[in-house]
């Protein structure tokens, strides 16, 4: 049987990315830097005069609906549905919504950093 969470409805009241995060579950312990937490988010307002950072772990953000524009201390990064964004532990950021609303999933990793597998060069011809 397929198991999944239904997406959150887009809020009626103005809700930014941080206020729209709902924790669904997790395991491990951030104090010993092992485990993960799973969150979903729904937002309909950009963050203004407000920034956020995660001191516990890195965030892997997976947009499901609507684009996210991350303004970080390292620059700007846009993530759309079908893409992912990894925000390292301790990076300050704010989220703007280029579209009217956004929702998606977040994996908060407390353990070792995410890394790409050693697959060698990947080009468009080898992706089918």
N, C-alpha and C. Protein backbone atom coordinates (compact mmCIF):
# COMPACT_ATOMS: atom_id res chain seq x y z
N UNK A 1 0.83 -1.19 0.00
CA UNK A 1 0.00 0.00 0.00
C UNK A 1 0.87 1.24 0.00
N UNK A 2 0.47 2.21 -0.79
CA UNK A 2 1.19 3.47 -0.82
C UNK A 2 0.82 4.28 0.43
N UNK A 3 1.83 4.77 1.12
CA UNK A 3 1.61 5.60 2.30
C UNK A 3 2.23 6.96 2.05
N UNK A 4 1.48 8.02 2.32
CA UNK A 4 2.00 9.37 2.17
C UNK A 4 1.11 10.33 2.94
N UNK A 5 1.64 11.53 3.15
CA UNK A 5 0.85 12.57 3.79
C UNK A 5 0.16 13.37 2.71
N UNK A 6 -1.09 13.70 2.93
CA UNK A 6 -1.75 14.62 2.02
C UNK A 6 -1.08 15.98 2.12
N UNK A 7 -0.97 16.70 1.02
CA UNK A 7 -0.35 18.02 1.09
C UNK A 7 -1.17 18.95 1.98
N UNK A 8 -0.47 19.87 2.63
CA UNK A 8 -1.16 20.87 3.43
C UNK A 8 -1.95 21.79 2.52
N UNK A 9 -3.13 22.24 2.94
CA UNK A 9 -3.82 23.25 2.16
C UNK A 9 -3.08 24.57 2.24
N UNK A 10 -3.18 25.37 1.19
CA UNK A 10 -2.59 26.70 1.22
C UNK A 10 -3.33 27.51 2.28
N UNK A 11 -2.62 28.17 3.19
CA UNK A 11 -3.29 28.89 4.28
C UNK A 11 -4.19 30.02 3.80
N UNK A 12 -5.21 30.32 4.59
CA UNK A 12 -6.09 31.46 4.29
C UNK A 12 -5.45 32.77 4.74
N UNK A 13 -4.78 32.75 5.89
CA UNK A 13 -4.11 33.93 6.44
C UNK A 13 -2.69 34.01 5.89
N UNK A 14 -2.10 35.21 5.80
CA UNK A 14 -0.72 35.33 5.35
C UNK A 14 0.22 34.48 6.23
N UNK A 15 0.93 33.56 5.59
CA UNK A 15 1.82 32.64 6.28
C UNK A 15 3.11 32.52 5.48
N UNK A 16 4.25 32.82 6.11
CA UNK A 16 5.51 32.69 5.40
C UNK A 16 6.07 31.28 5.55
N UNK A 17 7.22 31.04 4.95
CA UNK A 17 7.82 29.71 4.90
C UNK A 17 8.01 29.12 6.29
N UNK A 18 8.60 29.86 7.21
CA UNK A 18 8.89 29.34 8.55
C UNK A 18 7.61 29.07 9.33
N UNK A 19 6.66 30.00 9.28
CA UNK A 19 5.40 29.79 10.00
C UNK A 19 4.57 28.66 9.40
N UNK A 20 4.83 28.32 8.13
CA UNK A 20 4.07 27.27 7.46
C UNK A 20 4.64 25.88 7.60
N UNK A 21 5.72 25.71 8.40
CA UNK A 21 6.34 24.39 8.56
C UNK A 21 5.60 23.59 9.62
N UNK A 22 5.28 22.33 9.29
CA UNK A 22 4.64 21.40 10.22
C UNK A 22 5.52 20.15 10.28
N UNK A 23 5.93 19.75 11.48
CA UNK A 23 6.76 18.56 11.65
C UNK A 23 5.88 17.31 11.64
N UNK A 24 6.24 16.34 10.80
CA UNK A 24 5.48 15.10 10.68
C UNK A 24 6.10 13.97 11.49
N UNK A 25 7.41 13.97 11.65
CA UNK A 25 8.05 12.90 12.41
C UNK A 25 9.56 13.01 12.34
N UNK A 26 10.21 12.10 13.01
CA UNK A 26 11.66 12.10 12.99
C UNK A 26 12.22 10.98 13.84
N UNK A 27 13.54 10.88 13.81
CA UNK A 27 14.23 9.92 14.67
C UNK A 27 15.61 10.48 14.98
N UNK A 28 16.27 9.87 15.95
CA UNK A 28 17.59 10.34 16.33
C UNK A 28 17.51 11.50 17.31
N UNK A 29 18.60 12.22 17.42
CA UNK A 29 18.71 13.30 18.39
C UNK A 29 19.66 14.36 17.87
N UNK A 30 19.19 15.60 17.70
CA UNK A 30 20.08 16.64 17.19
C UNK A 30 21.26 16.92 18.12
N UNK A 31 21.11 16.68 19.43
CA UNK A 31 22.19 16.99 20.36
C UNK A 31 23.39 16.05 20.17
N UNK A 32 23.17 14.85 19.65
CA UNK A 32 24.30 13.95 19.36
C UNK A 32 24.53 13.84 17.85
N UNK A 33 23.89 14.68 17.10
CA UNK A 33 24.05 14.80 15.65
C UNK A 33 23.87 13.48 14.92
N UNK A 34 22.71 12.88 15.16
CA UNK A 34 22.34 11.68 14.42
C UNK A 34 20.83 11.69 14.21
N UNK A 35 20.39 11.32 13.01
CA UNK A 35 18.97 11.22 12.72
C UNK A 35 18.46 12.29 11.78
N UNK A 36 17.14 12.28 11.60
CA UNK A 36 16.47 13.22 10.69
C UNK A 36 15.12 13.61 11.26
N UNK A 37 14.59 14.69 10.74
CA UNK A 37 13.20 15.08 10.99
C UNK A 37 12.56 15.34 9.64
N UNK A 38 11.29 15.03 9.51
CA UNK A 38 10.55 15.22 8.28
C UNK A 38 9.49 16.29 8.53
N UNK A 39 9.47 17.30 7.67
CA UNK A 39 8.52 18.40 7.78
C UNK A 39 7.82 18.58 6.44
N UNK A 40 6.64 19.18 6.48
CA UNK A 40 5.99 19.68 5.27
C UNK A 40 5.70 21.15 5.49
N UNK A 41 5.58 21.91 4.41
CA UNK A 41 5.34 23.34 4.54
C UNK A 41 4.28 23.78 3.54
N UNK A 42 3.59 24.85 3.90
CA UNK A 42 2.66 25.54 3.00
C UNK A 42 2.74 27.02 3.34
N UNK A 43 2.94 27.84 2.33
CA UNK A 43 3.11 29.28 2.56
C UNK A 43 2.43 30.07 1.47
N UNK A 44 2.00 31.27 1.81
CA UNK A 44 1.41 32.16 0.81
C UNK A 44 1.93 33.59 0.94
N UNK A 45 3.02 33.78 1.68
CA UNK A 45 3.62 35.11 1.85
C UNK A 45 5.14 34.97 1.91
N UNK A 46 5.83 35.94 1.37
CA UNK A 46 7.29 35.97 1.45
C UNK A 46 7.72 36.42 2.83
N UNK A 47 8.93 36.06 3.21
CA UNK A 47 9.49 36.51 4.48
C UNK A 47 10.03 37.92 4.27
N UNK A 48 9.58 38.86 5.08
CA UNK A 48 10.05 40.26 5.02
C UNK A 48 10.63 40.63 6.36
N UNK A 49 11.81 41.27 6.36
CA UNK A 49 12.47 41.71 7.60
C UNK A 49 12.62 40.56 8.59
N UNK A 50 12.85 39.36 8.09
CA UNK A 50 12.95 38.18 8.93
C UNK A 50 13.87 37.18 8.24
N UNK A 51 14.74 36.57 9.00
CA UNK A 51 15.64 35.56 8.48
C UNK A 51 15.57 34.34 9.38
N UNK A 52 16.09 33.20 8.90
CA UNK A 52 16.04 31.95 9.64
C UNK A 52 17.33 31.20 9.41
N UNK A 53 17.74 30.40 10.39
CA UNK A 53 18.81 29.44 10.17
C UNK A 53 18.55 28.23 11.05
N UNK A 54 19.06 27.09 10.64
CA UNK A 54 18.88 25.85 11.37
C UNK A 54 20.22 25.47 11.98
N UNK A 55 20.35 25.59 13.30
CA UNK A 55 21.58 25.24 13.99
C UNK A 55 21.70 23.74 14.21
N UNK A 56 20.61 22.98 14.07
CA UNK A 56 20.61 21.55 14.35
C UNK A 56 21.07 20.70 13.17
N UNK A 57 20.71 21.08 11.95
CA UNK A 57 21.03 20.24 10.81
C UNK A 57 20.87 20.97 9.50
N UNK A 58 21.21 20.27 8.43
CA UNK A 58 21.02 20.85 7.10
C UNK A 58 19.61 20.52 6.63
N UNK A 59 19.09 21.37 5.74
CA UNK A 59 17.73 21.21 5.23
C UNK A 59 17.76 20.84 3.76
N UNK A 60 17.07 19.77 3.41
CA UNK A 60 16.85 19.41 2.02
C UNK A 60 15.40 19.76 1.72
N UNK A 61 15.20 20.78 0.89
CA UNK A 61 13.86 21.29 0.60
C UNK A 61 13.43 20.79 -0.77
N UNK A 62 12.23 20.22 -0.83
CA UNK A 62 11.68 19.67 -2.08
C UNK A 62 10.36 20.37 -2.37
N UNK A 63 10.37 21.39 -3.25
CA UNK A 63 9.09 22.05 -3.58
C UNK A 63 8.15 21.11 -4.33
N UNK A 64 6.90 21.12 -3.94
CA UNK A 64 5.88 20.32 -4.61
C UNK A 64 4.96 21.21 -5.45
N UNK A 65 4.75 22.44 -4.99
CA UNK A 65 3.89 23.40 -5.69
C UNK A 65 4.46 24.80 -5.47
N UNK A 66 4.73 25.52 -6.53
CA UNK A 66 5.23 26.88 -6.44
C UNK A 66 6.75 26.93 -6.25
N UNK A 67 7.33 27.99 -6.80
CA UNK A 67 8.78 28.18 -6.69
C UNK A 67 9.14 28.85 -5.38
N UNK A 68 10.37 28.60 -4.92
CA UNK A 68 10.93 29.25 -3.74
C UNK A 68 12.20 29.98 -4.16
N UNK A 69 12.36 31.20 -3.69
CA UNK A 69 13.56 31.98 -3.94
C UNK A 69 14.26 32.17 -2.60
N UNK A 70 15.40 31.49 -2.42
CA UNK A 70 16.15 31.56 -1.18
C UNK A 70 17.16 32.69 -1.28
N UNK A 71 17.09 33.65 -0.39
CA UNK A 71 18.07 34.73 -0.28
C UNK A 71 18.96 34.37 0.90
N UNK A 72 20.20 33.99 0.62
CA UNK A 72 21.11 33.55 1.67
C UNK A 72 22.27 34.52 1.78
N UNK A 73 23.09 34.32 2.81
CA UNK A 73 24.27 35.15 2.97
C UNK A 73 25.32 34.82 1.91
N UNK A 74 25.12 33.72 1.15
CA UNK A 74 26.03 33.34 0.08
C UNK A 74 25.52 33.73 -1.30
N UNK A 75 24.27 34.18 -1.40
CA UNK A 75 23.69 34.54 -2.68
C UNK A 75 22.25 34.07 -2.79
N UNK A 76 21.74 34.08 -4.01
CA UNK A 76 20.34 33.75 -4.27
C UNK A 76 20.26 32.40 -4.98
N UNK A 77 19.24 31.63 -4.59
CA UNK A 77 19.03 30.31 -5.18
C UNK A 77 17.54 30.10 -5.38
N UNK A 78 17.13 29.68 -6.56
CA UNK A 78 15.72 29.40 -6.83
C UNK A 78 15.51 27.90 -6.95
N UNK A 79 14.43 27.41 -6.36
CA UNK A 79 14.06 26.00 -6.47
C UNK A 79 12.60 25.91 -6.89
N UNK A 80 12.34 25.09 -7.89
CA UNK A 80 10.99 24.90 -8.42
C UNK A 80 10.60 23.44 -8.24
N UNK A 81 9.32 23.12 -8.41
CA UNK A 81 8.92 21.70 -8.36
C UNK A 81 9.76 20.88 -9.34
N UNK A 82 10.19 19.69 -8.89
CA UNK A 82 11.07 18.85 -9.69
C UNK A 82 12.54 19.09 -9.39
N UNK A 83 12.85 20.06 -8.53
CA UNK A 83 14.22 20.35 -8.13
C UNK A 83 14.33 20.23 -6.61
N UNK A 84 15.55 20.20 -6.12
CA UNK A 84 15.77 20.20 -4.67
C UNK A 84 16.73 21.33 -4.32
N UNK A 85 16.74 21.69 -3.05
CA UNK A 85 17.66 22.70 -2.55
C UNK A 85 18.20 22.21 -1.21
N UNK A 86 19.51 22.22 -1.04
CA UNK A 86 20.12 21.84 0.23
C UNK A 86 20.71 23.09 0.86
N UNK A 87 20.27 23.38 2.09
CA UNK A 87 20.76 24.53 2.84
C UNK A 87 21.63 24.01 3.98
N UNK A 88 22.92 24.32 3.98
CA UNK A 88 23.81 23.80 5.02
C UNK A 88 23.44 24.28 6.42
N UNK A 89 23.84 23.54 7.39
CA UNK A 89 23.63 23.87 8.81
C UNK A 89 24.23 25.25 9.10
N UNK A 90 23.43 26.10 9.75
CA UNK A 90 23.91 27.41 10.17
C UNK A 90 23.83 28.51 9.13
N UNK A 91 23.37 28.23 7.91
CA UNK A 91 23.27 29.23 6.86
C UNK A 91 22.03 30.09 7.09
N UNK A 92 22.21 31.40 7.16
CA UNK A 92 21.07 32.30 7.33
C UNK A 92 20.39 32.52 5.99
N UNK A 93 19.05 32.47 5.98
CA UNK A 93 18.31 32.65 4.74
C UNK A 93 16.92 33.21 5.00
N UNK A 94 16.33 33.71 3.96
CA UNK A 94 14.90 34.04 3.95
C UNK A 94 14.34 33.49 2.66
N UNK A 95 13.02 33.29 2.63
CA UNK A 95 12.37 32.68 1.47
C UNK A 95 11.36 33.66 0.90
N UNK A 96 11.47 33.90 -0.40
CA UNK A 96 10.48 34.70 -1.12
C UNK A 96 9.71 33.77 -2.05
N UNK A 97 8.46 34.11 -2.29
CA UNK A 97 7.61 33.30 -3.16
C UNK A 97 7.35 34.03 -4.47
N UNK A 98 8.04 33.66 -5.56
CA UNK A 98 7.78 34.30 -6.85
C UNK A 98 6.35 34.04 -7.35
N UNK A 99 5.79 32.88 -6.97
CA UNK A 99 4.41 32.55 -7.31
C UNK A 99 3.54 32.93 -6.11
N UNK A 100 2.27 32.86 -6.24
CA UNK A 100 1.37 33.29 -5.16
C UNK A 100 1.48 32.44 -3.91
N UNK A 101 1.80 31.17 -4.05
CA UNK A 101 1.85 30.26 -2.90
C UNK A 101 2.82 29.12 -3.21
N UNK A 102 3.20 28.41 -2.15
CA UNK A 102 4.11 27.28 -2.32
C UNK A 102 3.86 26.26 -1.21
N UNK A 103 4.17 25.00 -1.54
CA UNK A 103 4.14 23.96 -0.52
C UNK A 103 5.09 22.85 -0.96
N UNK A 104 5.48 22.02 0.02
CA UNK A 104 6.41 20.95 -0.30
C UNK A 104 6.88 20.24 0.94
N UNK A 105 8.07 19.64 0.85
CA UNK A 105 8.60 18.76 1.87
C UNK A 105 9.99 19.21 2.28
N UNK A 106 10.36 18.92 3.53
CA UNK A 106 11.69 19.25 4.04
C UNK A 106 12.22 18.04 4.80
N UNK A 107 13.45 17.67 4.52
CA UNK A 107 14.17 16.68 5.30
C UNK A 107 15.26 17.43 6.07
N UNK A 108 15.20 17.38 7.39
CA UNK A 108 16.21 18.01 8.23
C UNK A 108 17.17 16.92 8.70
N UNK A 109 18.41 16.99 8.23
CA UNK A 109 19.41 15.96 8.49
C UNK A 109 20.31 16.41 9.64
N UNK A 110 20.30 15.66 10.75
CA UNK A 110 21.16 15.99 11.89
C UNK A 110 22.52 15.32 11.81
N UNK A 111 22.66 14.32 10.97
CA UNK A 111 23.89 13.51 10.93
C UNK A 111 24.93 14.06 9.99
N UNK A 112 25.70 13.13 9.37
CA UNK A 112 26.74 13.53 8.41
C UNK A 112 26.10 14.31 7.27
N UNK A 113 26.89 15.18 6.69
CA UNK A 113 26.38 16.01 5.59
C UNK A 113 25.93 15.15 4.41
N UNK A 114 24.95 15.67 3.66
CA UNK A 114 24.57 15.03 2.41
C UNK A 114 25.78 15.08 1.48
N UNK A 115 25.92 14.06 0.65
CA UNK A 115 26.97 14.07 -0.36
C UNK A 115 26.45 13.37 -1.60
N UNK A 116 26.97 13.79 -2.73
CA UNK A 116 26.60 13.15 -3.98
C UNK A 116 27.36 11.84 -4.12
N UNK A 117 26.72 10.79 -4.61
CA UNK A 117 27.44 9.54 -4.82
C UNK A 117 28.46 9.69 -5.94
N UNK A 118 29.51 8.91 -5.87
CA UNK A 118 30.56 8.95 -6.90
C UNK A 118 30.09 8.16 -8.12
N UNK A 119 29.40 8.83 -9.02
CA UNK A 119 28.87 8.17 -10.21
C UNK A 119 29.64 8.52 -11.47
N UNK A 120 30.66 9.36 -11.35
CA UNK A 120 31.37 9.79 -12.53
C UNK A 120 30.58 10.85 -13.27
N UNK A 121 31.04 11.24 -14.44
CA UNK A 121 30.34 12.29 -15.20
C UNK A 121 28.96 11.81 -15.66
N UNK A 122 28.01 12.68 -15.57
CA UNK A 122 26.65 12.39 -16.04
C UNK A 122 26.31 13.45 -17.07
N UNK A 123 25.96 13.01 -18.26
CA UNK A 123 25.54 13.97 -19.28
C UNK A 123 24.10 13.65 -19.69
N UNK A 124 23.51 14.56 -20.44
CA UNK A 124 22.11 14.43 -20.83
C UNK A 124 21.87 13.16 -21.64
N UNK A 125 22.84 12.69 -22.41
CA UNK A 125 22.66 11.51 -23.24
C UNK A 125 22.51 10.24 -22.41
N UNK A 126 23.18 10.21 -21.23
CA UNK A 126 23.11 9.00 -20.40
C UNK A 126 21.88 8.96 -19.51
N UNK A 127 21.14 10.08 -19.43
CA UNK A 127 19.92 10.12 -18.62
C UNK A 127 18.74 9.81 -19.51
N UNK A 128 18.04 8.73 -19.21
CA UNK A 128 16.90 8.32 -20.04
C UNK A 128 15.64 8.36 -19.22
